[in-house]
Amino acid sequence: MDTTVELFKKAISGEVIASSFYSLASEVTKNDEARMVFLNLSTMEDDHAQELVKQCQKVFDPSEFDAQAFLNDLIKKDSGIDKITSDTIENGSPAEVLELAISLENAAKETYDKLSMQVKDPEMKKYCQGLSDEEASHALELTNTLNSLDMDMEDRPGL
């Protein structure tokens, strides 16, 4: 079973990876609407990582878990995107890129669900549940976009 610290590390790592994913996708896409969606999601994931650090600082003594140092180390390292994922972003179909994005959002939701069940503090529990809901809404938005790929352009909902 994951400890609370391990789950927070997983959550912060997931946000950094997702941000890098969306940033790269925004650079590669040829669709201006998709670029804006990806840039917006990248910014949101960065914000989530920063907010997670603030929440961890409320809960953990720095000797137990220094969330800011952990985040700084992640940012200094590689983007966290593996070769297969970056190849898919750069060379894959729009459907393949969206499917990867959906899997990132679903993984993040699962992590926040686990955290909300494990933390004792009611405020932290509510915070984690809110992030889980937000990640679910991202996955739904991306799923709707994926489902609309086969539609004519005029019938598609806006990205």
N, C-alpha and C. Protein backbone atom coordinates (compact mmCIF):
# COMPACT_ATOMS: atom_id res chain seq x y z
N MET A 1 0.84 -1.18 0.00
CA MET A 1 0.00 0.00 0.00
C MET A 1 0.88 1.24 0.00
N ASP A 2 0.49 2.21 -0.82
CA ASP A 2 1.25 3.46 -0.91
C ASP A 2 1.09 4.26 0.38
N THR A 3 2.19 4.84 0.82
CA THR A 3 2.09 5.76 1.95
C THR A 3 1.58 7.10 1.43
N THR A 4 1.17 7.94 2.33
CA THR A 4 0.68 9.26 1.94
C THR A 4 1.77 10.05 1.23
N VAL A 5 3.00 10.01 1.73
CA VAL A 5 4.10 10.73 1.09
C VAL A 5 4.32 10.20 -0.33
N GLU A 6 4.30 8.87 -0.49
CA GLU A 6 4.50 8.29 -1.83
C GLU A 6 3.38 8.72 -2.78
N LEU A 7 2.16 8.80 -2.28
CA LEU A 7 1.05 9.24 -3.11
C LEU A 7 1.20 10.71 -3.51
N PHE A 8 1.65 11.54 -2.57
CA PHE A 8 1.88 12.94 -2.93
C PHE A 8 3.01 13.06 -3.95
N LYS A 9 4.06 12.27 -3.79
CA LYS A 9 5.14 12.29 -4.79
C LYS A 9 4.60 11.86 -6.15
N LYS A 10 3.79 10.83 -6.16
CA LYS A 10 3.19 10.36 -7.41
C LYS A 10 2.31 11.44 -8.02
N ALA A 11 1.54 12.13 -7.20
CA ALA A 11 0.65 13.19 -7.70
C ALA A 11 1.47 14.34 -8.29
N ILE A 12 2.50 14.78 -7.57
CA ILE A 12 3.34 15.88 -8.06
C ILE A 12 4.04 15.47 -9.35
N SER A 13 4.58 14.26 -9.37
CA SER A 13 5.24 13.74 -10.58
C SER A 13 4.27 13.69 -11.75
N GLY A 14 3.06 13.23 -11.49
CA GLY A 14 2.05 13.14 -12.53
C GLY A 14 1.72 14.50 -13.12
N GLU A 15 1.66 15.52 -12.27
CA GLU A 15 1.37 16.87 -12.75
C GLU A 15 2.50 17.41 -13.61
N VAL A 16 3.73 17.13 -13.23
CA VAL A 16 4.89 17.58 -14.01
C VAL A 16 4.91 16.88 -15.37
N ILE A 17 4.66 15.58 -15.36
CA ILE A 17 4.64 14.82 -16.62
C ILE A 17 3.50 15.32 -17.51
N ALA A 18 2.33 15.51 -16.93
CA ALA A 18 1.18 15.98 -17.72
C ALA A 18 1.47 17.36 -18.31
N SER A 19 2.06 18.24 -17.52
CA SER A 19 2.39 19.57 -18.03
C SER A 19 3.35 19.48 -19.22
N SER A 20 4.37 18.64 -19.09
CA SER A 20 5.32 18.45 -20.19
C SER A 20 4.64 17.85 -21.41
N PHE A 21 3.75 16.90 -21.18
CA PHE A 21 2.99 16.27 -22.26
C PHE A 21 2.21 17.32 -23.03
N TYR A 22 1.43 18.13 -22.30
CA TYR A 22 0.59 19.14 -22.95
C TYR A 22 1.43 20.22 -23.61
N SER A 23 2.53 20.57 -23.01
CA SER A 23 3.42 21.58 -23.60
C SER A 23 3.96 21.09 -24.93
N LEU A 24 4.45 19.85 -24.96
CA LEU A 24 4.96 19.28 -26.21
C LEU A 24 3.83 19.14 -27.24
N ALA A 25 2.67 18.69 -26.80
CA ALA A 25 1.54 18.55 -27.72
C ALA A 25 1.16 19.91 -28.32
N SER A 26 1.25 20.97 -27.52
CA SER A 26 0.90 22.31 -28.04
C SER A 26 1.91 22.77 -29.09
N GLU A 27 3.15 22.34 -28.94
CA GLU A 27 4.18 22.72 -29.91
C GLU A 27 4.03 21.96 -31.22
N VAL A 28 3.55 20.72 -31.14
CA VAL A 28 3.50 19.83 -32.29
C VAL A 28 2.22 19.97 -33.10
N THR A 29 1.10 20.23 -32.42
CA THR A 29 -0.18 20.25 -33.13
C THR A 29 -0.22 21.34 -34.19
N LYS A 30 -0.94 21.03 -35.25
CA LYS A 30 -1.12 22.01 -36.32
C LYS A 30 -2.46 22.73 -36.19
N ASN A 31 -3.26 22.32 -35.20
CA ASN A 31 -4.58 22.88 -35.00
C ASN A 31 -4.50 23.96 -33.92
N ASP A 32 -4.87 25.18 -34.27
CA ASP A 32 -4.75 26.30 -33.33
C ASP A 32 -5.65 26.14 -32.11
N GLU A 33 -6.87 25.60 -32.30
CA GLU A 33 -7.77 25.38 -31.17
C GLU A 33 -7.18 24.36 -30.21
N ALA A 34 -6.66 23.27 -30.78
CA ALA A 34 -6.04 22.23 -29.94
C ALA A 34 -4.84 22.81 -29.20
N ARG A 35 -4.06 23.65 -29.87
CA ARG A 35 -2.89 24.27 -29.23
C ARG A 35 -3.31 25.04 -27.98
N MET A 36 -4.39 25.80 -28.10
CA MET A 36 -4.87 26.58 -26.96
C MET A 36 -5.34 25.67 -25.82
N VAL A 37 -6.03 24.58 -26.16
CA VAL A 37 -6.47 23.63 -25.13
C VAL A 37 -5.25 23.03 -24.43
N PHE A 38 -4.27 22.59 -25.21
CA PHE A 38 -3.08 21.97 -24.63
C PHE A 38 -2.30 22.97 -23.76
N LEU A 39 -2.17 24.21 -24.22
CA LEU A 39 -1.48 25.21 -23.41
C LEU A 39 -2.21 25.49 -22.11
N ASN A 40 -3.52 25.57 -22.19
CA ASN A 40 -4.33 25.78 -20.99
C ASN A 40 -4.16 24.61 -20.01
N LEU A 41 -4.21 23.39 -20.53
CA LEU A 41 -4.04 22.22 -19.66
C LEU A 41 -2.64 22.17 -19.06
N SER A 42 -1.63 22.55 -19.83
CA SER A 42 -0.26 22.58 -19.31
C SER A 42 -0.16 23.54 -18.13
N THR A 43 -0.74 24.71 -18.28
CA THR A 43 -0.73 25.71 -17.20
C THR A 43 -1.47 25.19 -15.98
N MET A 44 -2.62 24.55 -16.21
CA MET A 44 -3.39 23.99 -15.08
C MET A 44 -2.58 22.95 -14.33
N GLU A 45 -1.86 22.09 -15.06
CA GLU A 45 -1.06 21.05 -14.41
C GLU A 45 0.08 21.67 -13.61
N ASP A 46 0.70 22.72 -14.15
CA ASP A 46 1.74 23.44 -13.39
C ASP A 46 1.16 24.01 -12.10
N ASP A 47 -0.03 24.60 -12.22
CA ASP A 47 -0.69 25.16 -11.04
C ASP A 47 -1.01 24.07 -10.01
N HIS A 48 -1.45 22.92 -10.49
CA HIS A 48 -1.74 21.80 -9.57
C HIS A 48 -0.48 21.41 -8.82
N ALA A 49 0.64 21.30 -9.52
CA ALA A 49 1.89 20.91 -8.87
C ALA A 49 2.27 21.92 -7.78
N GLN A 50 2.17 23.21 -8.10
CA GLN A 50 2.51 24.24 -7.11
C GLN A 50 1.56 24.20 -5.91
N GLU A 51 0.28 23.99 -6.18
CA GLU A 51 -0.69 23.93 -5.08
C GLU A 51 -0.47 22.68 -4.23
N LEU A 52 -0.11 21.57 -4.85
CA LEU A 52 0.21 20.35 -4.09
C LEU A 52 1.37 20.60 -3.14
N VAL A 53 2.37 21.32 -3.61
CA VAL A 53 3.51 21.65 -2.75
C VAL A 53 3.03 22.45 -1.54
N LYS A 54 2.19 23.44 -1.77
CA LYS A 54 1.67 24.24 -0.65
C LYS A 54 0.88 23.39 0.33
N GLN A 55 0.08 22.48 -0.18
CA GLN A 55 -0.71 21.61 0.69
C GLN A 55 0.20 20.68 1.50
N CYS A 56 1.24 20.16 0.84
CA CYS A 56 2.18 19.28 1.54
C CYS A 56 2.91 20.03 2.65
N GLN A 57 3.22 21.29 2.41
CA GLN A 57 3.92 22.09 3.42
C GLN A 57 3.05 22.29 4.66
N LYS A 58 1.74 22.23 4.49
CA LYS A 58 0.83 22.35 5.63
C LYS A 58 0.77 21.06 6.44
N VAL A 59 0.99 19.93 5.76
CA VAL A 59 0.78 18.62 6.37
C VAL A 59 2.07 17.97 6.87
N PHE A 60 3.16 18.14 6.12
CA PHE A 60 4.40 17.43 6.42
C PHE A 60 5.48 18.37 6.95
N ASP A 61 6.22 17.89 7.90
CA ASP A 61 7.43 18.57 8.33
C ASP A 61 8.45 18.41 7.20
N PRO A 62 9.22 19.45 6.88
CA PRO A 62 10.19 19.33 5.78
C PRO A 62 11.18 18.18 5.94
N SER A 63 11.45 17.79 7.18
CA SER A 63 12.36 16.65 7.38
C SER A 63 11.70 15.34 6.97
N GLU A 64 10.36 15.33 6.98
CA GLU A 64 9.61 14.14 6.57
C GLU A 64 9.44 14.11 5.04
N PHE A 65 9.09 15.25 4.47
CA PHE A 65 8.91 15.36 3.02
C PHE A 65 8.98 16.83 2.63
N ASP A 66 10.03 17.18 1.89
CA ASP A 66 10.20 18.54 1.39
C ASP A 66 9.65 18.57 -0.04
N ALA A 67 8.38 18.91 -0.16
CA ALA A 67 7.69 18.87 -1.44
C ALA A 67 8.29 19.85 -2.44
N GLN A 68 8.71 21.04 -1.98
CA GLN A 68 9.29 22.01 -2.89
C GLN A 68 10.59 21.50 -3.48
N ALA A 69 11.44 20.91 -2.66
CA ALA A 69 12.69 20.34 -3.16
C ALA A 69 12.41 19.20 -4.14
N PHE A 70 11.41 18.38 -3.82
CA PHE A 70 11.03 17.28 -4.70
C PHE A 70 10.58 17.83 -6.06
N LEU A 71 9.72 18.85 -6.06
CA LEU A 71 9.26 19.45 -7.31
C LEU A 71 10.43 20.08 -8.07
N ASN A 72 11.29 20.79 -7.37
CA ASN A 72 12.45 21.42 -8.03
C ASN A 72 13.33 20.37 -8.71
N ASP A 73 13.54 19.24 -8.03
CA ASP A 73 14.34 18.17 -8.63
C ASP A 73 13.67 17.61 -9.89
N LEU A 74 12.35 17.46 -9.85
CA LEU A 74 11.63 16.97 -11.03
C LEU A 74 11.76 17.94 -12.20
N ILE A 75 11.66 19.21 -11.91
CA ILE A 75 11.73 20.23 -12.96
C ILE A 75 13.13 20.27 -13.58
N LYS A 76 14.17 20.08 -12.76
CA LYS A 76 15.54 20.08 -13.25
C LYS A 76 15.82 18.89 -14.17
N LYS A 77 15.15 17.78 -13.90
CA LYS A 77 15.37 16.56 -14.68
C LYS A 77 14.65 16.64 -16.01
N ASP A 78 14.75 15.58 -16.74
CA ASP A 78 14.04 15.40 -18.00
C ASP A 78 12.55 15.64 -17.78
N SER A 79 11.83 15.85 -18.84
CA SER A 79 10.40 16.16 -18.77
C SER A 79 9.59 15.04 -18.13
N GLY A 80 10.14 13.83 -18.09
CA GLY A 80 9.39 12.70 -17.55
C GLY A 80 8.59 11.97 -18.60
N ILE A 81 8.61 12.48 -19.82
CA ILE A 81 7.89 11.83 -20.91
C ILE A 81 8.82 10.80 -21.54
N ASP A 82 8.35 9.57 -21.60
CA ASP A 82 9.19 8.54 -22.18
C ASP A 82 9.23 8.65 -23.71
N LYS A 83 10.14 7.93 -24.32
CA LYS A 83 10.37 8.00 -25.78
C LYS A 83 9.12 7.61 -26.55
N ILE A 84 8.43 6.58 -26.13
CA ILE A 84 7.23 6.13 -26.84
C ILE A 84 6.17 7.22 -26.81
N THR A 85 5.98 7.85 -25.66
CA THR A 85 4.99 8.91 -25.54
C THR A 85 5.36 10.11 -26.40
N SER A 86 6.62 10.53 -26.35
CA SER A 86 7.02 11.69 -27.16
C SER A 86 6.92 11.36 -28.65
N ASP A 87 7.24 10.14 -29.04
CA ASP A 87 7.07 9.74 -30.45
C ASP A 87 5.61 9.78 -30.86
N THR A 88 4.73 9.35 -29.96
CA THR A 88 3.29 9.38 -30.27
C THR A 88 2.81 10.82 -30.41
N ILE A 89 3.25 11.70 -29.52
CA ILE A 89 2.85 13.10 -29.62
C ILE A 89 3.33 13.69 -30.94
N GLU A 90 4.56 13.39 -31.31
CA GLU A 90 5.14 13.99 -32.51
C GLU A 90 4.67 13.34 -33.80
N ASN A 91 4.38 12.03 -33.78
CA ASN A 91 4.08 11.32 -35.02
C ASN A 91 2.73 10.62 -35.05
N GLY A 92 2.07 10.58 -33.92
CA GLY A 92 0.82 9.84 -33.84
C GLY A 92 -0.36 10.62 -34.40
N SER A 93 -1.43 9.91 -34.54
CA SER A 93 -2.67 10.54 -35.00
C SER A 93 -3.24 11.38 -33.87
N PRO A 94 -4.13 12.31 -34.19
CA PRO A 94 -4.79 13.08 -33.13
C PRO A 94 -5.50 12.16 -32.11
N ALA A 95 -6.08 11.08 -32.59
CA ALA A 95 -6.76 10.14 -31.68
C ALA A 95 -5.78 9.51 -30.71
N GLU A 96 -4.60 9.14 -31.19
CA GLU A 96 -3.60 8.53 -30.31
C GLU A 96 -3.12 9.52 -29.25
N VAL A 97 -2.93 10.76 -29.64
CA VAL A 97 -2.49 11.79 -28.68
C VAL A 97 -3.58 12.02 -27.64
N LEU A 98 -4.82 12.12 -28.08
CA LEU A 98 -5.93 12.32 -27.13
C LEU A 98 -6.09 11.13 -26.20
N GLU A 99 -5.92 9.92 -26.71
CA GLU A 99 -6.01 8.73 -25.85
C GLU A 99 -4.94 8.75 -24.76
N LEU A 100 -3.73 9.16 -25.12
CA LEU A 100 -2.66 9.28 -24.12
C LEU A 100 -3.01 10.34 -23.08
N ALA A 101 -3.53 11.46 -23.55
CA ALA A 101 -3.91 12.54 -22.63
C ALA A 101 -5.00 12.06 -21.67
N ILE A 102 -5.97 11.34 -22.18
CA ILE A 102 -7.05 10.80 -21.34
C ILE A 102 -6.49 9.86 -20.29
N SER A 103 -5.52 9.03 -20.69
CA SER A 103 -4.93 8.10 -19.71
C SER A 103 -4.17 8.84 -18.62
N LEU A 104 -3.52 9.96 -18.96
CA LEU A 104 -2.84 10.77 -17.94
C LEU A 104 -3.84 11.36 -16.96
N GLU A 105 -4.93 11.88 -17.48
CA GLU A 105 -5.96 12.47 -16.61
C GLU A 105 -6.60 11.41 -15.71
N ASN A 106 -6.87 10.23 -16.26
CA ASN A 106 -7.47 9.16 -15.45
C ASN A 106 -6.51 8.67 -14.37
N ALA A 107 -5.22 8.60 -14.69
CA ALA A 107 -4.23 8.19 -13.69
C ALA A 107 -4.15 9.23 -12.56
N ALA A 108 -4.20 10.50 -12.93
CA ALA A 108 -4.18 11.56 -11.91
C ALA A 108 -5.41 11.48 -11.02
N LYS A 109 -6.57 11.25 -11.63
CA LYS A 109 -7.81 11.13 -10.86
C LYS A 109 -7.70 9.98 -9.86
N GLU A 110 -7.17 8.86 -10.31
CA GLU A 110 -7.01 7.70 -9.43
C GLU A 110 -6.08 8.01 -8.25
N THR A 111 -5.00 8.72 -8.52
CA THR A 111 -4.07 9.11 -7.45
C THR A 111 -4.77 10.00 -6.43
N TYR A 112 -5.53 10.98 -6.90
CA TYR A 112 -6.22 11.89 -5.98
C TYR A 112 -7.32 11.17 -5.21
N ASP A 113 -7.95 10.19 -5.85
CA ASP A 113 -8.95 9.38 -5.13
C ASP A 113 -8.29 8.62 -3.98
N LYS A 114 -7.13 8.03 -4.26
CA LYS A 114 -6.40 7.30 -3.21
C LYS A 114 -5.97 8.25 -2.08
N LEU A 115 -5.48 9.41 -2.47
CA LEU A 115 -5.06 10.39 -1.46
C LEU A 115 -6.25 10.82 -0.59
N SER A 116 -7.38 11.08 -1.22
CA SER A 116 -8.53 11.55 -0.44
C SER A 116 -9.00 10.49 0.55
N MET A 117 -8.79 9.22 0.22
CA MET A 117 -9.18 8.15 1.14
C MET A 117 -8.14 7.99 2.26
N GLN A 118 -6.90 8.37 1.99
CA GLN A 118 -5.83 8.12 2.95
C GLN A 118 -5.59 9.27 3.92
N VAL A 119 -5.79 10.50 3.49
CA VAL A 119 -5.50 11.63 4.37
C VAL A 119 -6.58 11.76 5.44
N LYS A 120 -6.17 12.22 6.58
CA LYS A 120 -7.10 12.36 7.72
C LYS A 120 -7.71 13.75 7.82
N ASP A 121 -6.92 14.76 7.44
CA ASP A 121 -7.36 16.14 7.56
C ASP A 121 -8.55 16.39 6.62
N PRO A 122 -9.70 16.86 7.15
CA PRO A 122 -10.88 17.08 6.31
C PRO A 122 -10.65 18.09 5.18
N GLU A 123 -9.87 19.14 5.45
CA GLU A 123 -9.59 20.14 4.41
C GLU A 123 -8.75 19.52 3.29
N MET A 124 -7.77 18.71 3.66
CA MET A 124 -6.92 18.05 2.66
C MET A 124 -7.74 17.02 1.87
N LYS A 125 -8.61 16.32 2.55
CA LYS A 125 -9.48 15.35 1.90
C LYS A 125 -10.34 16.05 0.84
N LYS A 126 -10.93 17.17 1.22
CA LYS A 126 -11.78 17.94 0.30
C LYS A 126 -10.95 18.46 -0.87
N TYR A 127 -9.74 18.92 -0.60
CA TYR A 127 -8.84 19.40 -1.65
C TYR A 127 -8.54 18.29 -2.66
N CYS A 128 -8.21 17.12 -2.17
CA CYS A 128 -7.89 15.99 -3.06
C CYS A 128 -9.12 15.56 -3.87
N GLN A 129 -10.28 15.57 -3.25
CA GLN A 129 -11.51 15.24 -3.97
C GLN A 129 -11.78 16.26 -5.07
N GLY A 130 -11.51 17.52 -4.79
CA GLY A 130 -11.68 18.57 -5.80
C GLY A 130 -10.74 18.38 -6.98
N LEU A 131 -9.49 18.01 -6.70
CA LEU A 131 -8.55 17.74 -7.79
C LEU A 131 -8.98 16.51 -8.58
N SER A 132 -9.49 15.50 -7.90
CA SER A 132 -9.99 14.31 -8.60
C SER A 132 -11.12 14.69 -9.55
N ASP A 133 -12.03 15.52 -9.08
CA ASP A 133 -13.14 15.97 -9.92
C ASP A 133 -12.64 16.78 -11.12
N GLU A 134 -11.63 17.62 -10.89
CA GLU A 134 -11.09 18.43 -11.98
C GLU A 134 -10.42 17.56 -13.03
N GLU A 135 -9.66 16.56 -12.58
CA GLU A 135 -9.01 15.66 -13.53
C GLU A 135 -10.06 14.87 -14.32
N ALA A 136 -11.14 14.49 -13.66
CA ALA A 136 -12.24 13.79 -14.35
C ALA A 136 -12.86 14.68 -15.42
N SER A 137 -12.99 15.97 -15.12
CA SER A 137 -13.57 16.88 -16.11
C SER A 137 -12.62 17.07 -17.30
N HIS A 138 -11.31 17.06 -17.04
CA HIS A 138 -10.34 17.13 -18.14
C HIS A 138 -10.47 15.89 -19.02
N ALA A 139 -10.57 14.72 -18.39
CA ALA A 139 -10.70 13.47 -19.15
C ALA A 139 -11.97 13.48 -19.99
N LEU A 140 -13.06 13.99 -19.43
CA LEU A 140 -14.32 14.06 -20.16
C LEU A 140 -14.21 15.01 -21.35
N GLU A 141 -13.60 16.17 -21.14
CA GLU A 141 -13.41 17.12 -22.24
C GLU A 141 -12.58 16.50 -23.36
N LEU A 142 -11.51 15.81 -22.98
CA LEU A 142 -10.66 15.17 -23.98
C LEU A 142 -11.38 14.02 -24.67
N THR A 143 -12.20 13.28 -23.92
CA THR A 143 -12.98 12.18 -24.50
C THR A 143 -13.99 12.72 -25.50
N ASN A 144 -14.66 13.81 -25.16
CA ASN A 144 -15.60 14.44 -26.09
C ASN A 144 -14.89 14.89 -27.36
N THR A 145 -13.70 15.43 -27.20
CA THR A 145 -12.92 15.84 -28.37
C THR A 145 -12.54 14.64 -29.20
N LEU A 146 -12.11 13.57 -28.56
CA LEU A 146 -11.77 12.34 -29.26
C LEU A 146 -12.98 11.80 -30.02
N ASN A 147 -14.13 11.79 -29.38
CA ASN A 147 -15.33 11.28 -30.01
C ASN A 147 -15.80 12.14 -31.18
N SER A 148 -15.38 13.39 -31.20
CA SER A 148 -15.82 14.29 -32.27
C SER A 148 -14.88 14.28 -33.47
N LEU A 149 -13.78 13.54 -33.40
CA LEU A 149 -12.81 13.56 -34.50
C LEU A 149 -13.40 13.09 -35.82
N ASP A 150 -14.37 12.17 -35.76
CA ASP A 150 -14.96 11.64 -36.98
C ASP A 150 -16.08 12.52 -37.53
N MET A 151 -16.43 13.57 -36.83
CA MET A 151 -17.50 14.47 -37.27
C MET A 151 -16.96 15.47 -38.29
N ASP A 152 -17.86 15.99 -39.10
CA ASP A 152 -17.48 17.08 -39.99
C ASP A 152 -17.12 18.29 -39.12
N MET A 153 -16.24 19.12 -39.61
CA MET A 153 -15.76 20.27 -38.84
C MET A 153 -16.90 21.15 -38.32
N GLU A 154 -17.92 21.37 -39.13
CA GLU A 154 -19.01 22.25 -38.70
C GLU A 154 -19.89 21.61 -37.63
N ASP A 155 -19.84 20.28 -37.50
CA ASP A 155 -20.63 19.58 -36.49
C ASP A 155 -19.90 19.37 -35.18
N ARG A 156 -18.60 19.61 -35.17
CA ARG A 156 -17.78 19.39 -33.98
C ARG A 156 -18.04 20.46 -32.94
N PRO A 157 -18.06 20.02 -31.66
CA PRO A 157 -18.08 21.04 -30.61
C PRO A 157 -16.72 21.72 -30.58
N GLY A 158 -16.67 22.96 -30.16
CA GLY A 158 -15.39 23.67 -30.08
C GLY A 158 -14.47 23.00 -29.09
N LEU A 159 -13.20 23.08 -29.37
CA LEU A 159 -12.21 22.48 -28.46
C LEU A 159 -12.10 23.30 -27.20
